[in-house]
Amino acid sequence: MLTTNDLKKGALVQLRNGWQARIEDNKKGNIRLCTVYGYETEMGSVYAHDMLELVNESGDGKAWTKITHTDKQQDCRAMNAALFGFR
């Protein structure tokens, strides 16, 4: 079982909105610093509960590892959903 707290600097993850991001810190918790590859490439804070899968670059293509979230990260997502009205 892989959690967001296990992700190290340089890991590439798939985000909930379909974009990818590279982890830029070795911290743990609800917010991580990432370079996000979306409409533009920019660096900023990303909620850990928005990280869904780790992208493993292998010689024959990409493989995906599902990320599980801690109870606190799931509570943070529920709070954000209540405040901002998303699912």
Protein backbone atom coordinates (compact mmCIF):
# COMPACT_ATOMS: atom_id res chain seq x y z
CA MET A 1 0.00 0.00 0.00
CA LEU A 2 1.49 3.32 -1.14
CA THR A 3 0.47 6.53 0.64
CA THR A 4 1.21 10.11 -0.29
CA ASN A 5 3.55 10.28 2.71
CA ASP A 6 5.73 7.65 0.97
CA LEU A 7 6.23 9.82 -2.13
CA LYS A 8 9.70 11.33 -2.43
CA LYS A 9 11.06 14.31 -4.35
CA GLY A 10 11.05 13.65 -8.08
CA ALA A 11 8.09 11.22 -8.09
CA LEU A 12 5.60 11.75 -10.93
CA VAL A 13 1.93 11.48 -9.96
CA GLN A 14 -1.41 11.59 -11.74
CA LEU A 15 -3.78 14.19 -10.29
CA ARG A 16 -7.54 13.93 -9.88
CA ASN A 17 -8.15 16.39 -12.73
CA GLY A 18 -6.06 14.31 -15.18
CA TRP A 19 -2.92 16.41 -15.10
CA GLN A 20 0.45 15.15 -13.91
CA ALA A 21 2.72 16.63 -11.26
CA ARG A 22 6.28 16.09 -10.06
CA ILE A 23 6.80 16.16 -6.27
CA GLU A 24 9.31 18.86 -5.28
CA ASP A 25 9.66 18.18 -1.53
CA ASN A 26 10.04 15.31 0.93
CA LYS A 27 7.42 16.55 3.40
CA LYS A 28 4.43 14.62 4.70
CA GLY A 29 0.88 15.78 5.31
CA ASN A 30 -2.06 17.30 3.46
CA ILE A 31 -0.18 19.68 1.15
CA ARG A 32 2.86 18.99 -1.05
CA LEU A 33 4.93 21.28 -3.28
CA CYS A 34 4.69 20.15 -6.91
CA THR A 35 5.46 21.19 -10.45
CA VAL A 36 2.13 20.72 -12.23
CA TYR A 37 1.97 19.95 -15.95
CA GLY A 38 -1.41 21.23 -17.15
CA TYR A 39 -2.42 24.08 -19.46
CA GLU A 40 0.80 25.68 -18.29
CA THR A 41 3.71 24.27 -16.29
CA GLU A 42 3.86 25.88 -12.87
CA MET A 43 4.95 25.11 -9.33
CA GLY A 44 2.72 25.36 -6.29
CA SER A 45 0.94 23.63 -3.45
CA VAL A 46 -1.18 20.57 -4.22
CA TYR A 47 -3.52 18.79 -1.83
CA ALA A 48 -2.36 15.24 -1.18
CA HIS A 49 -5.90 13.92 -1.61
CA ASP A 50 -5.80 15.06 -5.26
CA MET A 51 -2.92 12.65 -6.01
CA LEU A 52 -4.38 9.40 -7.33
CA GLU A 53 -1.59 7.33 -8.89
CA LEU A 54 2.18 7.15 -9.02
CA VAL A 55 3.54 7.03 -12.55
CA ASN A 56 6.34 4.44 -12.78
CA GLU A 57 8.48 5.00 -15.84
CA SER A 58 9.68 1.64 -17.11
CA GLY A 59 11.58 0.62 -20.21
CA ASP A 60 8.44 -0.58 -21.98
CA GLY A 61 6.14 2.29 -21.10
CA LYS A 62 4.32 3.67 -18.09
CA ALA A 63 2.93 1.64 -15.21
CA TRP A 64 0.58 3.01 -12.57
CA THR A 65 0.52 2.42 -8.81
CA LYS A 66 -2.64 3.46 -6.94
CA ILE A 67 -2.09 5.84 -4.02
CA THR A 68 -4.09 5.43 -0.82
CA HIS A 69 -4.87 8.38 1.45
CA THR A 70 -4.69 8.69 5.21
CA ASP A 71 -7.78 9.36 7.30
CA LYS A 72 -6.68 12.98 7.81
CA GLN A 73 -6.29 13.47 4.05
CA GLN A 74 -9.76 12.04 3.45
CA ASP A 75 -11.17 14.36 6.14
CA CYS A 76 -9.45 17.31 4.43
CA ARG A 77 -11.07 16.34 1.11
CA ALA A 78 -14.50 16.10 2.77
CA MET A 79 -14.02 19.54 4.36
CA ASN A 80 -13.00 21.06 1.02
CA ALA A 81 -16.00 19.45 -0.68
CA ALA A 82 -18.32 20.94 1.94
CA LEU A 83 -16.75 24.39 1.65
CA PHE A 84 -16.31 24.59 -2.12
CA GLY A 85 -19.07 22.27 -3.36
CA PHE A 86 -17.16 19.66 -5.36
CA ARG A 87 -17.18 15.89 -5.15
